[in-house]
Amino acid sequence: MTTLPRLACVAVLGLAACGWVGDAAAQQDPWPELANQVFNGRPLADGTDLLAIEMPGRAEDAAIVPLTVRATLPPGDARRVKAFTIVIDENPAPVTATFTIGPTAVVSSISTRVRVNSYTNVHAVAELSDDKLYVVKTYVKASGGCSAPAAKVADAAADRIGQMKFRQFAAAGAGPVSAPREAQIMVRHPNNSGLQRDQVTLLYIPAHFVDELSVWQGDALLFSMVGGISISEDPNFRFNFVPNGATAFRVEAKDTDGKLFRQEWPATGM
């Protein structure tokens, strides 16, 4: 699976600012070219029976749109997910994130919150253990998510950047300790997109976001993420996993300023 490309957005923004929106451009579907660039020309098969993407059809808040991608492999299918990639077609930087699953991990569902800049198709692409790519899509009505002002005051939160919370979910009656469980990692970070304005100076706030994150169960990697500006403020990721007997979880995150954040938690309730 390809790593997240740094797709340029300056030219797109410049054209929009000048009001250059022709009928042909409005009708042009960006996905074929995006798919070719992001996946290096590899074929993408219809993943309707293998993969699902869940988002609201109309977002209540374009800056924090819930998104879940999950594998829906039929019973008896021995394949596993190697990676998920999320592409928000009409966003200034369309590739939202690539989640690469650890070689011994079973992570078939990941949820997060994203920014959506305009009415758009959103594609989820999974690479399975057969080394083939499968794609599904959904349509979301939202606008302005990438330039929406931050919900929190940056100065007040600056000393808390990089703080993490980790939650484990093991519902009553969930079965043996080897049964799938869920967990959630939350990272305090403004995740500035570079398209937001300071509400006092009206100057653009420089892009500053978590671009890498890895989660381990003991010494075994559960998943790693390479992300972009479309991940919402205070990024959080909820995922399922199969316990491997480890006594701790470890998370490491890095942002575009090169700051590294690490924390560890006991594997309670496993």
C-alpha atoms as a PDB file:
ATOM      1  CA  MET A   1       0.000   0.000   0.000  1.00  0.00           C
ATOM      2  CA  THR A   2       1.333   3.371  -0.928  1.00  0.00           C
ATOM      3  CA  THR A   3       2.147   5.868   1.798  1.00  0.00           C
ATOM      4  CA  LEU A   4       0.193   9.074   2.027  1.00  0.00           C
ATOM      5  CA  PRO A   5       1.204  11.476  -0.772  1.00  0.00           C
ATOM      6  CA  ARG A   6       1.539  15.176  -0.027  1.00  0.00           C
ATOM      7  CA  LEU A   7      -0.998  16.377  -2.572  1.00  0.00           C
ATOM      8  CA  ALA A   8      -0.636  20.075  -3.294  1.00  0.00           C
ATOM      9  CA  CYS A   9      -3.640  22.275  -2.581  1.00  0.00           C
ATOM     10  CA  VAL A  10      -2.336  25.792  -3.282  1.00  0.00           C
ATOM     11  CA  ALA A  11      -3.300  25.774  -6.938  1.00  0.00           C
ATOM     12  CA  VAL A  12      -6.780  24.478  -6.165  1.00  0.00           C
ATOM     13  CA  LEU A  13      -7.335  27.160  -3.551  1.00  0.00           C
ATOM     14  CA  GLY A  14      -6.030  29.861  -5.852  1.00  0.00           C
ATOM     15  CA  LEU A  15      -8.456  28.928  -8.616  1.00  0.00           C
ATOM     16  CA  ALA A  16     -11.362  28.841  -6.167  1.00  0.00           C
ATOM     17  CA  ALA A  17     -10.396  32.223  -4.713  1.00  0.00           C
ATOM     18  CA  CYS A  18     -10.435  33.741  -8.188  1.00  0.00           C
ATOM     19  CA  GLY A  19     -13.915  32.373  -8.792  1.00  0.00           C
ATOM     20  CA  TRP A  20     -12.718  30.104 -11.600  1.00  0.00           C
ATOM     21  CA  VAL A  21     -15.351  27.389 -11.488  1.00  0.00           C
ATOM     22  CA  GLY A  22     -16.409  26.414 -14.978  1.00  0.00           C
ATOM     23  CA  ASP A  23     -19.227  24.029 -15.832  1.00  0.00           C
ATOM     24  CA  ALA A  24     -16.810  21.430 -17.156  1.00  0.00           C
ATOM     25  CA  ALA A  25     -14.718  21.548 -13.983  1.00  0.00           C
ATOM     26  CA  ALA A  26     -17.823  21.270 -11.822  1.00  0.00           C
ATOM     27  CA  GLN A  27     -18.922  18.152 -13.681  1.00  0.00           C
ATOM     28  CA  GLN A  28     -15.519  16.491 -13.812  1.00  0.00           C
ATOM     29  CA  ASP A  29     -15.117  13.482 -11.531  1.00  0.00           C
ATOM     30  CA  PRO A  30     -11.702  13.718  -9.826  1.00  0.00           C
ATOM     31  CA  TRP A  31     -11.674  10.093  -8.697  1.00  0.00           C
ATOM     32  CA  PRO A  32     -10.171   8.353 -11.777  1.00  0.00           C
ATOM     33  CA  GLU A  33      -7.095  10.604 -11.718  1.00  0.00           C
ATOM     34  CA  LEU A  34      -6.862  10.488  -7.925  1.00  0.00           C
ATOM     35  CA  ALA A  35      -7.044   6.692  -7.921  1.00  0.00           C
ATOM     36  CA  ASN A  36      -4.348   6.476 -10.552  1.00  0.00           C
ATOM     37  CA  GLN A  37      -2.017   8.804  -8.619  1.00  0.00           C
ATOM     38  CA  VAL A  38      -2.616   7.499  -5.113  1.00  0.00           C
ATOM     39  CA  PHE A  39      -2.435   3.809  -5.990  1.00  0.00           C
ATOM     40  CA  ASN A  40       0.180   4.044  -8.751  1.00  0.00           C
ATOM     41  CA  GLY A  41      -2.132   2.737 -11.453  1.00  0.00           C
ATOM     42  CA  ARG A  42      -3.005  -0.492  -9.621  1.00  0.00           C
ATOM     43  CA  PRO A  43      -6.462  -1.870 -10.474  1.00  0.00           C
ATOM     44  CA  LEU A  44      -9.252  -1.345  -7.934  1.00  0.00           C
ATOM     45  CA  ALA A  45     -11.954  -3.999  -7.753  1.00  0.00           C
ATOM     46  CA  ASP A  46     -15.495  -3.420  -6.487  1.00  0.00           C
ATOM     47  CA  GLY A  47     -15.398  -4.060  -2.751  1.00  0.00           C
ATOM     48  CA  THR A  48     -19.137  -3.956  -2.058  1.00  0.00           C
ATOM     49  CA  ASP A  49     -19.209  -7.438  -0.474  1.00  0.00           C
ATOM     50  CA  LEU A  50     -15.881  -7.055   1.326  1.00  0.00           C
ATOM     51  CA  LEU A  51     -15.715  -3.505   2.634  1.00  0.00           C
ATOM     52  CA  ALA A  52     -18.011  -0.811   4.036  1.00  0.00           C
ATOM     53  CA  ILE A  53     -17.683   2.911   4.696  1.00  0.00           C
ATOM     54  CA  GLU A  54     -20.105   4.611   7.077  1.00  0.00           C
ATOM     55  CA  MET A  55     -20.668   8.384   7.169  1.00  0.00           C
ATOM     56  CA  PRO A  56     -23.757  10.590   7.549  1.00  0.00           C
ATOM     57  CA  GLY A  57     -25.312  11.606   4.253  1.00  0.00           C
ATOM     58  CA  ARG A  58     -25.519  15.187   5.505  1.00  0.00           C
ATOM     59  CA  ALA A  59     -22.981  16.271   8.130  1.00  0.00           C
ATOM     60  CA  GLU A  60     -24.110  18.242  11.181  1.00  0.00           C
ATOM     61  CA  ASP A  61     -20.633  19.794  11.485  1.00  0.00           C
ATOM     62  CA  ALA A  62     -18.329  19.659   8.454  1.00  0.00           C
ATOM     63  CA  ALA A  63     -15.246  19.935  10.696  1.00  0.00           C
ATOM     64  CA  ILE A  64     -15.999  16.749  12.677  1.00  0.00           C
ATOM     65  CA  VAL A  65     -17.731  14.252  10.417  1.00  0.00           C
ATOM     66  CA  PRO A  66     -17.752  10.708  11.846  1.00  0.00           C
ATOM     67  CA  LEU A  67     -16.305   8.054   9.549  1.00  0.00           C
ATOM     68  CA  THR A  68     -15.988   4.294   9.971  1.00  0.00           C
ATOM     69  CA  VAL A  69     -14.346   1.877   7.577  1.00  0.00           C
ATOM     70  CA  ARG A  70     -14.720  -1.845   8.159  1.00  0.00           C
ATOM     71  CA  ALA A  71     -14.000  -5.111   6.440  1.00  0.00           C
ATOM     72  CA  THR A  72     -17.116  -7.209   5.815  1.00  0.00           C
ATOM     73  CA  LEU A  73     -15.493 -10.401   4.555  1.00  0.00           C
ATOM     74  CA  PRO A  74     -17.986 -13.283   4.356  1.00  0.00           C
ATOM     75  CA  PRO A  75     -17.686 -16.210   6.811  1.00  0.00           C
ATOM     76  CA  GLY A  76     -14.982 -18.618   5.752  1.00  0.00           C
ATOM     77  CA  ASP A  77     -12.982 -16.018   3.822  1.00  0.00           C
ATOM     78  CA  ALA A  78      -9.453 -16.446   5.157  1.00  0.00           C
ATOM     79  CA  ARG A  79      -8.138 -13.132   3.849  1.00  0.00           C
ATOM     80  CA  ARG A  80      -7.223 -10.323   6.224  1.00  0.00           C
ATOM     81  CA  VAL A  81      -6.914  -6.565   5.844  1.00  0.00           C
ATOM     82  CA  LYS A  82      -3.397  -5.253   5.250  1.00  0.00           C
ATOM     83  CA  ALA A  83      -4.320  -1.561   4.913  1.00  0.00           C
ATOM     84  CA  PHE A  84      -7.180   0.926   4.637  1.00  0.00           C
ATOM     85  CA  THR A  85      -6.907   4.218   2.742  1.00  0.00           C
ATOM     86  CA  ILE A  86      -9.517   7.001   2.979  1.00  0.00           C
ATOM     87  CA  VAL A  87      -9.858   9.528   0.142  1.00  0.00           C
ATOM     88  CA  ILE A  88     -12.195  12.549   0.379  1.00  0.00           C
ATOM     89  CA  ASP A  89     -12.338  13.400  -3.314  1.00  0.00           C
ATOM     90  CA  GLU A  90     -13.102  17.134  -3.181  1.00  0.00           C
ATOM     91  CA  ASN A  91     -10.911  18.060  -0.205  1.00  0.00           C
ATOM     92  CA  PRO A  92      -7.864  20.270  -0.935  1.00  0.00           C
ATOM     93  CA  ALA A  93      -5.626  17.335   0.079  1.00  0.00           C
ATOM     94  CA  PRO A  94      -7.870  14.369  -0.766  1.00  0.00           C
ATOM     95  CA  VAL A  95      -5.920  11.535   0.862  1.00  0.00           C
ATOM     96  CA  THR A  96      -7.107  11.634   4.452  1.00  0.00           C
ATOM     97  CA  ALA A  97      -5.139   8.736   5.935  1.00  0.00           C
ATOM     98  CA  THR A  98      -3.658   5.333   5.276  1.00  0.00           C
ATOM     99  CA  PHE A  99      -3.933   2.788   8.088  1.00  0.00           C
ATOM    100  CA  THR A 100      -1.472  -0.091   7.765  1.00  0.00           C
ATOM    101  CA  ILE A 101      -2.392  -3.119   9.875  1.00  0.00           C
ATOM    102  CA  GLY A 102       0.357  -4.953  11.768  1.00  0.00           C
ATOM    103  CA  PRO A 103       1.507  -8.243  10.211  1.00  0.00           C
ATOM    104  CA  THR A 104       0.084 -10.362  13.063  1.00  0.00           C
ATOM    105  CA  ALA A 105      -2.843  -8.109  14.005  1.00  0.00           C
ATOM    106  CA  VAL A 106      -6.521  -8.527  13.216  1.00  0.00           C
ATOM    107  CA  VAL A 107      -7.969  -5.016  12.922  1.00  0.00           C
ATOM    108  CA  SER A 108     -11.040  -5.006  10.692  1.00  0.00           C
ATOM    109  CA  SER A 109     -12.687  -1.714  11.734  1.00  0.00           C
ATOM    110  CA  ILE A 110     -11.378   1.814  12.340  1.00  0.00           C
ATOM    111  CA  SER A 111     -13.443   4.905  13.167  1.00  0.00           C
ATOM    112  CA  THR A 112     -12.342   8.539  13.270  1.00  0.00           C
ATOM    113  CA  ARG A 113     -13.600  12.085  12.579  1.00  0.00           C
ATOM    114  CA  VAL A 114     -12.750  14.022   9.427  1.00  0.00           C
ATOM    115  CA  ARG A 115     -13.109  17.427   7.804  1.00  0.00           C
ATOM    116  CA  VAL A 116     -15.192  17.643   4.637  1.00  0.00           C
ATOM    117  CA  ASN A 117     -14.704  20.773   2.544  1.00  0.00           C
ATOM    118  CA  SER A 118     -17.525  20.444   0.003  1.00  0.00           C
ATOM    119  CA  TYR A 119     -20.174  18.036  -1.267  1.00  0.00           C
ATOM    120  CA  THR A 120     -18.130  15.020  -2.249  1.00  0.00           C
ATOM    121  CA  ASN A 121     -17.701  11.318  -2.773  1.00  0.00           C
ATOM    122  CA  VAL A 122     -15.596   9.624  -0.124  1.00  0.00           C
ATOM    123  CA  HIS A 123     -13.746   6.458  -1.127  1.00  0.00           C
ATOM    124  CA  ALA A 124     -12.401   3.717   1.123  1.00  0.00           C
ATOM    125  CA  VAL A 125      -9.818   1.369  -0.357  1.00  0.00           C
ATOM    126  CA  ALA A 126      -8.678  -1.824   1.361  1.00  0.00           C
ATOM    127  CA  GLU A 127      -5.654  -3.887   0.485  1.00  0.00           C
ATOM    128  CA  LEU A 128      -6.279  -7.489   1.483  1.00  0.00           C
ATOM    129  CA  SER A 129      -3.809 -10.299   2.048  1.00  0.00           C
ATOM    130  CA  ASP A 130      -4.322 -11.409  -1.570  1.00  0.00           C
ATOM    131  CA  ASP A 131      -2.430  -8.162  -2.433  1.00  0.00           C
ATOM    132  CA  LYS A 132      -5.427  -6.805  -4.348  1.00  0.00           C
ATOM    133  CA  LEU A 133      -7.184  -3.459  -3.806  1.00  0.00           C
ATOM    134  CA  TYR A 134     -10.926  -3.163  -3.246  1.00  0.00           C
ATOM    135  CA  VAL A 135     -12.924   0.086  -3.198  1.00  0.00           C
ATOM    136  CA  VAL A 136     -16.298   1.371  -1.980  1.00  0.00           C
ATOM    137  CA  LYS A 137     -17.670   4.902  -1.780  1.00  0.00           C
ATOM    138  CA  THR A 138     -20.312   7.050  -0.153  1.00  0.00           C
ATOM    139  CA  TYR A 139     -21.555  10.600  -0.756  1.00  0.00           C
ATOM    140  CA  VAL A 140     -21.484  13.305   1.920  1.00  0.00           C
ATOM    141  CA  LYS A 141     -23.149  16.717   1.893  1.00  0.00           C
ATOM    142  CA  ALA A 142     -20.959  19.126   3.872  1.00  0.00           C
ATOM    143  CA  SER A 143     -18.947  22.274   3.214  1.00  0.00           C
ATOM    144  CA  GLY A 144     -16.239  24.402   4.790  1.00  0.00           C
ATOM    145  CA  GLY A 145     -14.785  21.767   7.094  1.00  0.00           C
ATOM    146  CA  CYS A 146     -11.135  22.343   6.188  1.00  0.00           C
ATOM    147  CA  SER A 147     -11.285  26.099   6.863  1.00  0.00           C
ATOM    148  CA  ALA A 148     -13.614  26.033   9.890  1.00  0.00           C
ATOM    149  CA  PRO A 149     -12.123  27.822  12.944  1.00  0.00           C
ATOM    150  CA  ALA A 150     -10.721  25.639  15.684  1.00  0.00           C
ATOM    151  CA  ALA A 151     -13.204  24.809  18.415  1.00  0.00           C
ATOM    152  CA  LYS A 152     -10.671  25.438  21.200  1.00  0.00           C
ATOM    153  CA  VAL A 153      -8.475  28.454  21.969  1.00  0.00           C
ATOM    154  CA  ALA A 154      -4.997  27.492  20.777  1.00  0.00           C
ATOM    155  CA  ASP A 155      -3.063  29.379  23.484  1.00  0.00           C
ATOM    156  CA  ALA A 156      -5.025  27.740  26.270  1.00  0.00           C
ATOM    157  CA  ALA A 157      -4.487  24.262  24.836  1.00  0.00           C
ATOM    158  CA  ALA A 158      -0.842  24.672  23.808  1.00  0.00           C
ATOM    159  CA  ASP A 159       0.568  23.158  27.003  1.00  0.00           C
ATOM    160  CA  ARG A 160      -1.671  20.114  26.542  1.00  0.00           C
ATOM    161  CA  ILE A 161      -0.717  19.298  22.953  1.00  0.00           C
ATOM    162  CA  GLY A 162       0.219  15.648  22.692  1.00  0.00           C
ATOM    163  CA  GLN A 163      -1.696  14.496  25.760  1.00  0.00           C
ATOM    164  CA  MET A 164      -3.342  11.131  25.110  1.00  0.00           C
ATOM    165  CA  LYS A 165      -6.200   9.098  26.496  1.00  0.00           C
ATOM    166  CA  PHE A 166      -6.693   5.396  25.870  1.00  0.00           C
ATOM    167  CA  ARG A 167      -9.923   3.490  26.468  1.00  0.00           C
ATOM    168  CA  GLN A 168     -10.543  -0.233  26.263  1.00  0.00           C
ATOM    169  CA  PHE A 169     -14.012  -1.697  25.766  1.00  0.00           C
ATOM    170  CA  ALA A 170     -14.897  -5.188  26.944  1.00  0.00           C
ATOM    171  CA  ALA A 171     -18.654  -5.389  27.258  1.00  0.00           C
ATOM    172  CA  ALA A 172     -20.238  -7.881  29.625  1.00  0.00           C
ATOM    173  CA  GLY A 173     -20.917 -11.145  27.855  1.00  0.00           C
ATOM    174  CA  ALA A 174     -18.372 -10.387  25.152  1.00  0.00           C
ATOM    175  CA  GLY A 175     -17.049 -13.950  25.360  1.00  0.00           C
ATOM    176  CA  PRO A 176     -13.590 -15.354  26.077  1.00  0.00           C
ATOM    177  CA  VAL A 177     -10.546 -13.149  26.484  1.00  0.00           C
ATOM    178  CA  SER A 178      -9.456 -14.123  22.970  1.00  0.00           C
ATOM    179  CA  ALA A 179     -12.648 -12.661  21.465  1.00  0.00           C
ATOM    180  CA  PRO A 180     -12.433  -9.355  19.543  1.00  0.00           C
ATOM    181  CA  ARG A 181     -12.444  -6.212  21.681  1.00  0.00           C
ATOM    182  CA  GLU A 182     -12.495  -2.474  20.947  1.00  0.00           C
ATOM    183  CA  ALA A 183     -10.243   0.368  22.047  1.00  0.00           C
ATOM    184  CA  GLN A 184      -9.953   4.088  21.391  1.00  0.00           C
ATOM    185  CA  ILE A 185      -6.958   6.427  21.323  1.00  0.00           C
ATOM    186  CA  MET A 186      -7.499  10.189  21.646  1.00  0.00           C
ATOM    187  CA  VAL A 187      -4.726  12.752  21.064  1.00  0.00           C
ATOM    188  CA  ARG A 188      -4.960  16.384  22.156  1.00  0.00           C
ATOM    189  CA  HIS A 189      -3.823  18.377  19.121  1.00  0.00           C
ATOM    190  CA  PRO A 190      -5.198  21.326  17.092  1.00  0.00           C
ATOM    191  CA  ASN A 191      -4.536  19.502  13.821  1.00  0.00           C
ATOM    192  CA  ASN A 192      -4.492  22.838  11.994  1.00  0.00           C
ATOM    193  CA  SER A 193      -5.175  22.379   8.304  1.00  0.00           C
ATOM    194  CA  GLY A 194      -3.331  25.483   7.051  1.00  0.00           C
ATOM    195  CA  LEU A 195      -6.620  26.765   5.618  1.00  0.00           C
ATOM    196  CA  GLN A 196      -7.994  28.276   8.827  1.00  0.00           C
ATOM    197  CA  ARG A 197      -7.705  31.971   9.720  1.00  0.00           C
ATOM    198  CA  ASP A 198      -6.811  33.474  13.053  1.00  0.00           C
ATOM    199  CA  GLN A 199     -10.052  35.098  14.178  1.00  0.00           C
ATOM    200  CA  VAL A 200      -8.191  38.205  15.402  1.00  0.00           C
ATOM    201  CA  THR A 201      -5.479  38.823  12.795  1.00  0.00           C
ATOM    202  CA  LEU A 202      -7.347  37.080   9.929  1.00  0.00           C
ATOM    203  CA  LEU A 203      -4.007  35.601   8.872  1.00  0.00           C
ATOM    204  CA  TYR A 204      -3.821  31.937   7.906  1.00  0.00           C
ATOM    205  CA  ILE A 205      -2.726  29.634  10.728  1.00  0.00           C
ATOM    206  CA  PRO A 206       0.187  27.425   9.591  1.00  0.00           C
ATOM    207  CA  ALA A 207      -0.582  23.755   9.061  1.00  0.00           C
ATOM    208  CA  HIS A 208       0.252  21.735  12.174  1.00  0.00           C
ATOM    209  CA  PHE A 209      -1.178  18.253  12.518  1.00  0.00           C
ATOM    210  CA  VAL A 210      -0.508  14.690  13.620  1.00  0.00           C
ATOM    211  CA  ASP A 211       0.861  12.986  10.535  1.00  0.00           C
ATOM    212  CA  GLU A 212       1.992   9.664  12.015  1.00  0.00           C
ATOM    213  CA  LEU A 213       0.575   7.429  14.728  1.00  0.00           C
ATOM    214  CA  SER A 214       1.290   3.836  15.757  1.00  0.00           C
ATOM    215  CA  VAL A 215      -0.453   1.573  18.273  1.00  0.00           C
ATOM    216  CA  TRP A 216       1.152  -1.556  19.744  1.00  0.00           C
ATOM    217  CA  GLN A 217      -0.302  -4.377  21.822  1.00  0.00           C
ATOM    218  CA  GLY A 218       2.781  -5.431  23.740  1.00  0.00           C
ATOM    219  CA  ASP A 219       5.511  -5.656  21.096  1.00  0.00           C
ATOM    220  CA  ALA A 220       3.056  -6.406  18.280  1.00  0.00           C
ATOM    221  CA  LEU A 221       1.976  -3.538  16.037  1.00  0.00           C
ATOM    222  CA  LEU A 222      -1.801  -3.205  15.804  1.00  0.00           C
ATOM    223  CA  PHE A 223      -1.784  -0.456  13.187  1.00  0.00           C
ATOM    224  CA  SER A 224       0.103   2.606  12.023  1.00  0.00           C
ATOM    225  CA  MET A 225      -1.386   5.680  10.393  1.00  0.00           C
ATOM    226  CA  VAL A 226       0.001   8.250   8.004  1.00  0.00           C
ATOM    227  CA  GLY A 227      -2.446  11.164   7.997  1.00  0.00           C
ATOM    228  CA  GLY A 228      -3.111  14.557   6.463  1.00  0.00           C
ATOM    229  CA  ILE A 229      -5.050  17.763   7.058  1.00  0.00           C
ATOM    230  CA  SER A 230      -8.471  16.125   6.776  1.00  0.00           C
ATOM    231  CA  ILE A 231      -8.264  14.465  10.205  1.00  0.00           C
ATOM    232  CA  SER A 232     -10.247  16.592  12.659  1.00  0.00           C
ATOM    233  CA  GLU A 233      -8.985  18.579  15.627  1.00  0.00           C
ATOM    234  CA  ASP A 234      -8.092  16.377  18.642  1.00  0.00           C
ATOM    235  CA  PRO A 235      -7.812  13.247  16.486  1.00  0.00           C
ATOM    236  CA  ASN A 236      -9.243  10.047  17.867  1.00  0.00           C
ATOM    237  CA  PHE A 237      -9.373   6.527  16.506  1.00  0.00           C
ATOM    238  CA  ARG A 238     -11.606   3.691  17.663  1.00  0.00           C
ATOM    239  CA  PHE A 239     -10.696   0.217  16.432  1.00  0.00           C
ATOM    240  CA  ASN A 240     -11.286  -3.457  17.077  1.00  0.00           C
ATOM    241  CA  PHE A 241      -8.554  -5.962  17.818  1.00  0.00           C
ATOM    242  CA  VAL A 242      -7.974  -9.494  19.090  1.00  0.00           C
ATOM    243  CA  PRO A 243      -6.133  -9.711  22.451  1.00  0.00           C
ATOM    244  CA  ASN A 244      -2.760 -11.442  22.186  1.00  0.00           C
ATOM    245  CA  GLY A 245      -2.024 -11.850  25.885  1.00  0.00           C
ATOM    246  CA  ALA A 246       0.085  -8.685  26.157  1.00  0.00           C
ATOM    247  CA  THR A 247      -0.115  -6.752  29.419  1.00  0.00           C
ATOM    248  CA  ALA A 248       0.187  -3.242  27.959  1.00  0.00           C
ATOM    249  CA  PHE A 249      -0.702  -1.006  25.039  1.00  0.00           C
ATOM    250  CA  ARG A 250       1.699   1.596  23.702  1.00  0.00           C
ATOM    251  CA  VAL A 251       0.992   4.570  21.409  1.00  0.00           C
ATOM    252  CA  GLU A 252       3.449   6.820  19.611  1.00  0.00           C
ATOM    253  CA  ALA A 253       2.422   9.899  17.614  1.00  0.00           C
ATOM    254  CA  LYS A 254       4.401  12.493  15.659  1.00  0.00           C
ATOM    255  CA  ASP A 255       3.267  15.849  14.308  1.00  0.00           C
ATOM    256  CA  THR A 256       4.444  17.995  11.410  1.00  0.00           C
ATOM    257  CA  ASP A 257       6.618  20.066  13.754  1.00  0.00           C
ATOM    258  CA  GLY A 258       8.613  16.921  14.485  1.00  0.00           C
ATOM    259  CA  LYS A 259       7.332  16.587  18.055  1.00  0.00           C
ATOM    260  CA  LEU A 260       7.068  13.014  19.298  1.00  0.00           C
ATOM    261  CA  PHE A 261       4.471  11.887  21.841  1.00  0.00           C
ATOM    262  CA  ARG A 262       4.565   8.503  23.603  1.00  0.00           C
ATOM    263  CA  GLN A 263       2.453   6.861  26.269  1.00  0.00           C
ATOM    264  CA  GLU A 264       1.681   3.381  27.634  1.00  0.00           C
ATOM    265  CA  TRP A 265      -1.329   1.872  29.426  1.00  0.00           C
ATOM    266  CA  PRO A 266      -2.008  -1.488  31.099  1.00  0.00           C
ATOM    267  CA  ALA A 267      -4.186  -3.952  29.195  1.00  0.00           C
ATOM    268  CA  THR A 268      -7.011  -3.915  31.727  1.00  0.00           C
ATOM    269  CA  GLY A 269     -10.004  -6.204  31.444  1.00  0.00           C
ATOM    270  CA  MET A 270      -8.342  -8.483  28.931  1.00  0.00           C
END
